[in-house]
C-alpha atoms as a PDB file:
ATOM      1  CA  MET A   1     101.891  27.017  53.204  1.00  0.00           C
ATOM      2  CA  GLY A   2      98.809  26.194  55.153  1.00  0.00           C
ATOM      3  CA  LYS A   3      97.854  28.402  58.017  1.00  0.00           C
ATOM      4  CA  LYS A   4      98.457  26.922  61.510  1.00  0.00           C
ATOM      5  CA  THR A   5      95.605  27.103  63.943  1.00  0.00           C
ATOM      6  CA  ASN A   6      95.620  26.371  67.622  1.00  0.00           C
ATOM      7  CA  VAL A   7      93.450  23.401  68.269  1.00  0.00           C
ATOM      8  CA  ILE A   8      92.376  22.481  71.738  1.00  0.00           C
ATOM      9  CA  GLU A   9      91.532  18.857  71.988  1.00  0.00           C
ATOM     10  CA  ASN A  10      89.258  17.635  74.700  1.00  0.00           C
ATOM     11  CA  ARG A  11      90.615  14.156  75.459  1.00  0.00           C
ATOM     12  CA  LYS A  12      89.709  11.948  78.410  1.00  0.00           C
ATOM     13  CA  TYR A  13      93.118  10.305  78.408  1.00  0.00           C
ATOM     14  CA  LYS A  14      96.583  11.546  77.480  1.00  0.00           C
ATOM     15  CA  ARG A  15      98.087  10.074  74.318  1.00  0.00           C
ATOM     16  CA  LEU A  16     101.573   8.548  74.540  1.00  0.00           C
ATOM     17  CA  GLU A  17     103.521   8.374  71.217  1.00  0.00           C
ATOM     18  CA  THR A  18     104.860   4.858  70.624  1.00  0.00           C
ATOM     19  CA  HIS A  19     105.538   2.470  67.804  1.00  0.00           C
ATOM     20  CA  ILE A  20     104.500  -1.092  68.745  1.00  0.00           C
ATOM     21  CA  PRO A  21     103.755  -3.783  66.201  1.00  0.00           C
ATOM     22  CA  ILE A  22     100.100  -4.722  66.023  1.00  0.00           C
ATOM     23  CA  ASP A  23      98.060  -7.344  64.121  1.00  0.00           C
ATOM     24  CA  PHE A  24      94.424  -6.820  63.579  1.00  0.00           C
ATOM     25  CA  THR A  25      91.352  -8.063  61.753  1.00  0.00           C
ATOM     26  CA  ILE A  26      87.729  -7.083  61.325  1.00  0.00           C
ATOM     27  CA  VAL A  27      85.540  -8.821  63.917  1.00  0.00           C
ATOM     28  CA  ARG A  28      82.418 -10.792  62.831  1.00  0.00           C
ATOM     29  CA  ILE A  29      79.658  -8.576  61.544  1.00  0.00           C
ATOM     30  CA  ASN A  30      76.179  -9.772  62.332  1.00  0.00           C
ATOM     31  CA  SER A  31      77.529 -13.299  62.852  1.00  0.00           C
ATOM     32  CA  GLU A  32      79.115 -13.225  59.447  1.00  0.00           C
ATOM     33  CA  LEU A  33      82.815 -13.382  58.728  1.00  0.00           C
ATOM     34  CA  PRO A  34      83.657 -10.407  56.529  1.00  0.00           C
ATOM     35  CA  GLY A  35      86.413 -12.372  54.555  1.00  0.00           C
ATOM     36  CA  VAL A  36      89.273 -10.324  55.764  1.00  0.00           C
ATOM     37  CA  ASP A  37      92.719 -11.526  56.756  1.00  0.00           C
ATOM     38  CA  TRP A  38      94.930 -10.411  59.614  1.00  0.00           C
ATOM     39  CA  GLU A  39      96.635  -7.148  58.825  1.00  0.00           C
ATOM     40  CA  LYS A  40      99.884  -5.666  60.215  1.00  0.00           C
ATOM     41  CA  GLY A  41     100.701  -2.198  61.357  1.00  0.00           C
ATOM     42  CA  LEU A  42     102.300  -0.122  64.065  1.00  0.00           C
ATOM     43  CA  THR A  43     100.803   2.047  66.738  1.00  0.00           C
ATOM     44  CA  CYS A  44     101.306   5.728  66.436  1.00  0.00           C
ATOM     45  CA  ASN A  45     100.062   6.476  69.924  1.00  0.00           C
ATOM     46  CA  VAL A  46      98.203   4.766  72.702  1.00  0.00           C
ATOM     47  CA  SER A  47      96.050   5.937  75.660  1.00  0.00           C
ATOM     48  CA  ARG A  48      93.820   4.285  78.280  1.00  0.00           C
ATOM     49  CA  GLY A  49      90.865   4.890  75.899  1.00  0.00           C
ATOM     50  CA  GLY A  50      92.256   3.598  72.666  1.00  0.00           C
ATOM     51  CA  LEU A  51      95.008   3.889  70.071  1.00  0.00           C
ATOM     52  CA  CYS A  52      95.961   5.135  66.718  1.00  0.00           C
ATOM     53  CA  LEU A  53      97.581   2.755  64.254  1.00  0.00           C
ATOM     54  CA  GLU A  54      99.226   3.106  60.820  1.00  0.00           C
ATOM     55  CA  THR A  55      99.508   0.516  58.197  1.00  0.00           C
ATOM     56  CA  ASP A  56     101.171   0.567  54.806  1.00  0.00           C
ATOM     57  CA  GLU A  57      99.453  -2.389  53.175  1.00  0.00           C
ATOM     58  CA  LEU A  58      95.783  -2.509  53.967  1.00  0.00           C
ATOM     59  CA  SER A  59      93.908  -5.125  51.992  1.00  0.00           C
ATOM     60  CA  GLU A  60      90.969  -4.085  49.765  1.00  0.00           C
ATOM     61  CA  ASN A  61      88.627  -6.232  51.810  1.00  0.00           C
ATOM     62  CA  THR A  62      89.482  -4.340  54.942  1.00  0.00           C
ATOM     63  CA  ILE A  63      89.328  -0.932  53.227  1.00  0.00           C
ATOM     64  CA  ARG A  64      85.716  -1.760  52.192  1.00  0.00           C
ATOM     65  CA  PHE A  65      84.646  -1.909  55.829  1.00  0.00           C
ATOM     66  CA  LEU A  66      86.459   1.302  57.062  1.00  0.00           C
ATOM     67  CA  SER A  67      83.622   3.702  56.175  1.00  0.00           C
ATOM     68  CA  LYS A  68      80.858   1.527  57.773  1.00  0.00           C
ATOM     69  CA  GLU A  69      79.658   2.245  61.200  1.00  0.00           C
ATOM     70  CA  GLY A  70      80.074  -0.112  64.031  1.00  0.00           C
ATOM     71  CA  ILE A  71      83.099  -1.900  62.721  1.00  0.00           C
ATOM     72  CA  TYR A  72      85.269  -3.453  65.371  1.00  0.00           C
ATOM     73  CA  LEU A  73      88.865  -4.711  65.215  1.00  0.00           C
ATOM     74  CA  ASP A  74      90.304  -7.794  67.004  1.00  0.00           C
ATOM     75  CA  MET A  75      93.777  -6.643  67.842  1.00  0.00           C
ATOM     76  CA  ARG A  76      97.023  -8.364  69.052  1.00  0.00           C
ATOM     77  CA  ILE A  77      99.415  -5.715  70.384  1.00  0.00           C
ATOM     78  CA  HIS A  78     103.009  -7.056  70.475  1.00  0.00           C
ATOM     79  CA  ALA A  79     104.363  -4.985  73.427  1.00  0.00           C
ATOM     80  CA  PRO A  80     108.089  -5.537  73.494  1.00  0.00           C
ATOM     81  CA  ILE A  81     108.350  -6.638  77.195  1.00  0.00           C
ATOM     82  CA  ALA A  82     105.227  -8.834  77.192  1.00  0.00           C
ATOM     83  CA  SER A  83     105.619 -12.516  76.806  1.00  0.00           C
ATOM     84  CA  ALA A  84     102.492 -12.872  74.739  1.00  0.00           C
ATOM     85  CA  PRO A  85     100.610 -10.376  72.500  1.00  0.00           C
ATOM     86  CA  VAL A  86      98.150  -8.248  74.319  1.00  0.00           C
ATOM     87  CA  LYS A  87      94.516  -8.867  73.151  1.00  0.00           C
ATOM     88  CA  ALA A  88      91.938  -6.150  72.766  1.00  0.00           C
ATOM     89  CA  VAL A  89      88.818  -5.354  70.741  1.00  0.00           C
ATOM     90  CA  GLY A  90      88.102  -1.816  69.617  1.00  0.00           C
ATOM     91  CA  GLU A  91      85.724   0.189  67.469  1.00  0.00           C
ATOM     92  CA  ILE A  92      87.029   2.120  64.487  1.00  0.00           C
ATOM     93  CA  VAL A  93      86.173   5.710  65.178  1.00  0.00           C
ATOM     94  CA  TRP A  94      87.973   7.362  62.318  1.00  0.00           C
ATOM     95  CA  HIS A  95      90.397   6.570  59.453  1.00  0.00           C
ATOM     96  CA  LYS A  96      92.209   8.435  56.740  1.00  0.00           C
ATOM     97  CA  SER A  97      94.278   7.512  53.676  1.00  0.00           C
ATOM     98  CA  LEU A  98      97.771   9.015  54.118  1.00  0.00           C
ATOM     99  CA  ASP A  99      99.269   8.824  50.590  1.00  0.00           C
ATOM    100  CA  PRO A 100      97.265   9.484  47.352  1.00  0.00           C
ATOM    101  CA  LYS A 101      99.885   7.489  45.467  1.00  0.00           C
ATOM    102  CA  ASN A 102      99.463   4.473  47.836  1.00  0.00           C
ATOM    103  CA  SER A 103      95.760   3.938  48.578  1.00  0.00           C
ATOM    104  CA  LYS A 104      96.566   1.168  50.982  1.00  0.00           C
ATOM    105  CA  HIS A 105      98.456   3.486  53.406  1.00  0.00           C
ATOM    106  CA  TYR A 106      96.129   4.364  56.330  1.00  0.00           C
ATOM    107  CA  MET A 107      95.841   5.640  59.810  1.00  0.00           C
ATOM    108  CA  ILE A 108      92.977   4.281  61.939  1.00  0.00           C
ATOM    109  CA  GLY A 109      91.705   5.537  65.286  1.00  0.00           C
ATOM    110  CA  VAL A 110      90.393   2.853  67.551  1.00  0.00           C
ATOM    111  CA  LYS A 111      88.395   3.110  70.849  1.00  0.00           C
ATOM    112  CA  TYR A 112      88.807   0.159  73.130  1.00  0.00           C
ATOM    113  CA  GLN A 113      85.603  -1.797  73.712  1.00  0.00           C
ATOM    114  CA  SER A 114      87.039  -4.882  75.313  1.00  0.00           C
ATOM    115  CA  ILE A 115      90.420  -5.000  77.080  1.00  0.00           C
ATOM    116  CA  THR A 116      91.210  -6.347  80.505  1.00  0.00           C
ATOM    117  CA  ASP A 117      92.650  -3.992  83.092  1.00  0.00           C
ATOM    118  CA  GLU A 118      95.680  -6.323  83.397  1.00  0.00           C
ATOM    119  CA  ASN A 119      96.335  -5.939  79.570  1.00  0.00           C
ATOM    120  CA  LEU A 120      95.694  -2.167  79.549  1.00  0.00           C
ATOM    121  CA  ASN A 121      98.137  -1.798  82.448  1.00  0.00           C
ATOM    122  CA  LYS A 122     100.702  -3.907  80.544  1.00  0.00           C
ATOM    123  CA  ILE A 123     100.473  -1.697  77.460  1.00  0.00           C
ATOM    124  CA  MET A 124     100.589   1.586  79.348  1.00  0.00           C
ATOM    125  CA  GLY A 125     103.236   0.438  81.702  1.00  0.00           C
ATOM    126  CA  GLN A 126     105.543  -0.622  78.923  1.00  0.00           C
ATOM    127  CA  VAL A 127     104.960   2.541  77.000  1.00  0.00           C
ATOM    128  CA  ILE A 128     105.830   4.639  79.925  1.00  0.00           C
ATOM    129  CA  CYS A 129     108.868   2.454  80.699  1.00  0.00           C
ATOM    130  CA  ILE A 130     110.039   2.844  77.091  1.00  0.00           C
ATOM    131  CA  LYS A 131     109.634   6.539  77.265  1.00  0.00           C
ATOM    132  CA  CYS A 132     111.626   6.767  80.518  1.00  0.00           C
ATOM    133  CA  ILE A 133     114.419   4.649  79.016  1.00  0.00           C
ATOM    134  CA  ARG A 134     114.515   6.831  75.873  1.00  0.00           C
ATOM    135  CA  ASP A 135     114.548  10.062  77.902  1.00  0.00           C
ATOM    136  CA  SER A 136     117.352   8.658  80.141  1.00  0.00           C
ATOM    137  CA  ILE A 137     119.394   7.869  76.990  1.00  0.00           C
ATOM    138  CA  ILE A 138     118.849  11.347  75.710  1.00  0.00           C
ATOM    139  CA  ILE A 139     119.759  13.026  78.988  1.00  0.00           C
ATOM    140  CA  GLY A 140     122.809  10.742  79.361  1.00  0.00           C
ATOM    141  CA  SER A 141     124.006  11.606  75.881  1.00  0.00           C
ATOM    142  CA  ILE A 142     123.719  15.377  76.726  1.00  0.00           C
ATOM    143  CA  VAL A 143     125.670  14.989  79.923  1.00  0.00           C
ATOM    144  CA  LEU A 144     128.331  12.950  78.190  1.00  0.00           C
ATOM    145  CA  PHE A 145     128.581  15.632  75.399  1.00  0.00           C
ATOM    146  CA  ILE A 146     128.878  18.372  78.078  1.00  0.00           C
ATOM    147  CA  LEU A 147     131.619  16.365  79.955  1.00  0.00           C
ATOM    148  CA  LEU A 148     133.557  15.844  76.742  1.00  0.00           C
ATOM    149  CA  VAL A 149     133.447  19.547  75.894  1.00  0.00           C
ATOM    150  CA  LEU A 150     134.595  20.413  79.497  1.00  0.00           C
ATOM    151  CA  MET A 151     137.430  17.938  79.334  1.00  0.00           C
ATOM    152  CA  LYS A 152     138.589  19.314  75.975  1.00  0.00           C
ATOM    153  CA  THR A 153     138.425  22.857  77.321  1.00  0.00           C
ATOM    154  CA  PHE A 154     140.484  22.013  80.440  1.00  0.00           C
ATOM    155  CA  LEU A 155     143.046  19.751  78.741  1.00  0.00           C
END
């Protein structure tokens, strides 16, 4: 087993774990289209500074650009409560292949470069709302379980 180490991360913004569908493509590079299609993935987490996304089927054309510097993604984030996808542009700051058997399975870290305050607030507000709902369901389930145990005990 690998040795665990305590790592302190200096982050400007807190990450919130969430799984939101996202479509993305490489933005024009030096006024040239890189010849890549729209890709699909899910966010792993989001913050006010950027997001991490995961994709199972990254195209070879997109993979070619991952290791280059200054690569930007045009993103459409499909937040569940929003009526339309939230648009943003971000720079790829890191990437890693997740599965040696599936070379198209990647995680990509993206720093926002262009997103309106309104769109950022939509994403963050919805993620917080979803977290509150999920936490309420968990707490409600625990309370219900305790009540059932107490009822069984006293009946």
